[in-house]
Amino acid sequence: MPRWFMEIKAINHELVELDLQSIHDRHADFLGINPFGKLPALIDSDVLLEDGSPLKLFESGSIRLHLAETHSCGLMCMIRSLQS
């Protein structure tokens, strides 16, 4: 769902496909983004935390809310786009 939202809103992004069945793709780098080792996950390098690291989100709801607030007209716009 976040991928669909980014494509509809023409948000520039890099899609990285992972094979979560493979132990190779569950390495520390990915677990640093999502400690549960699941998809989806998002790194937004345009939003920096106090320590200078980029914002890392997981769970599709939190990712969609973040995208709606930062790349759209906000939560109500996201709700309207999901209803149509």
Protein backbone atom coordinates (compact mmCIF):
# COMPACT_ATOMS: atom_id res chain seq x y z
CA MET A 1 0.00 0.00 0.00
CA PRO A 2 2.75 2.59 0.72
CA ARG A 3 4.31 1.81 -2.68
CA TRP A 4 0.96 2.48 -4.38
CA PHE A 5 0.58 5.78 -2.52
CA MET A 6 4.10 6.88 -3.54
CA GLU A 7 3.41 6.04 -7.17
CA ILE A 8 0.03 7.85 -7.20
CA LYS A 9 1.58 10.97 -5.63
CA ALA A 10 4.72 10.72 -7.84
CA ILE A 11 7.00 10.64 -4.79
CA ASN A 12 10.59 9.94 -5.81
CA HIS A 13 11.67 6.67 -4.18
CA GLU A 14 14.00 3.74 -4.52
CA LEU A 15 12.40 0.32 -4.30
CA VAL A 16 14.62 -2.35 -2.77
CA GLU A 17 13.22 -5.84 -3.13
CA LEU A 18 14.10 -8.37 -0.45
CA ASP A 19 13.66 -12.11 -0.14
CA LEU A 20 12.60 -12.42 3.48
CA GLN A 21 12.71 -16.21 3.21
CA SER A 22 16.46 -15.89 2.78
CA ILE A 23 18.52 -15.42 5.94
CA HIS A 24 20.85 -13.26 3.83
CA ASP A 25 18.25 -10.47 3.53
CA ARG A 26 17.58 -10.44 7.27
CA HIS A 27 20.97 -8.93 8.02
CA ALA A 28 21.66 -6.20 10.56
CA ASP A 29 21.19 -3.34 8.06
CA PHE A 30 17.57 -4.26 7.41
CA LEU A 31 16.88 -5.13 11.05
CA GLY A 32 18.11 -1.61 11.87
CA ILE A 33 15.18 -0.28 9.83
CA ASN A 34 12.58 -2.79 11.00
CA PRO A 35 13.61 -4.79 14.07
CA PHE A 36 10.85 -7.32 13.33
CA GLY A 37 12.37 -8.10 9.90
CA LYS A 38 9.09 -7.55 8.05
CA LEU A 39 7.90 -5.36 5.19
CA PRO A 40 7.16 -2.60 4.42
CA ALA A 41 9.88 -0.32 5.70
CA LEU A 42 10.84 3.22 4.76
CA ILE A 43 13.87 5.46 5.24
CA ASP A 44 13.16 9.16 4.68
CA SER A 45 16.51 10.93 4.39
CA ASP A 46 14.71 14.28 4.04
CA VAL A 47 13.64 14.04 7.69
CA LEU A 48 16.53 13.90 10.14
CA LEU A 49 16.32 12.94 13.78
CA GLU A 50 18.14 14.82 16.56
CA ASP A 51 21.21 12.59 16.15
CA GLY A 52 21.33 13.37 12.41
CA SER A 53 20.11 9.95 11.30
CA PRO A 54 17.27 9.65 8.77
CA LEU A 55 13.73 8.82 9.83
CA LYS A 56 13.06 5.06 9.68
CA LEU A 57 9.49 3.78 9.66
CA PHE A 58 7.82 0.41 9.42
CA GLU A 59 4.19 -0.72 9.39
CA SER A 60 2.19 0.46 6.40
CA GLY A 61 -0.16 2.70 8.41
CA SER A 62 2.63 4.81 9.89
CA ILE A 63 4.39 4.99 6.52
CA ARG A 64 1.21 6.15 4.71
CA LEU A 65 0.45 8.73 7.39
CA HIS A 66 4.00 10.11 7.16
CA LEU A 67 3.81 10.25 3.36
CA ALA A 68 0.42 11.98 3.45
CA GLU A 69 1.66 14.58 5.92
CA THR A 70 4.92 15.31 4.13
CA HIS A 71 4.03 14.88 0.44
CA SER A 72 0.36 15.68 0.22
CA CYS A 73 -2.38 17.77 1.73
CA GLY A 74 -2.37 15.75 4.95
CA LEU A 75 -4.41 13.02 6.54
CA MET A 76 -7.77 14.02 5.04
CA CYS A 77 -6.29 13.93 1.54
CA MET A 78 -4.98 10.41 2.19
CA ILE A 79 -8.40 9.29 3.46
CA ARG A 80 -10.12 10.72 0.39
CA SER A 81 -7.63 9.02 -1.95
CA LEU A 82 -8.21 5.67 -0.24
CA GLN A 83 -11.99 6.06 -0.51
CA SER A 84 -11.93 6.73 -4.26
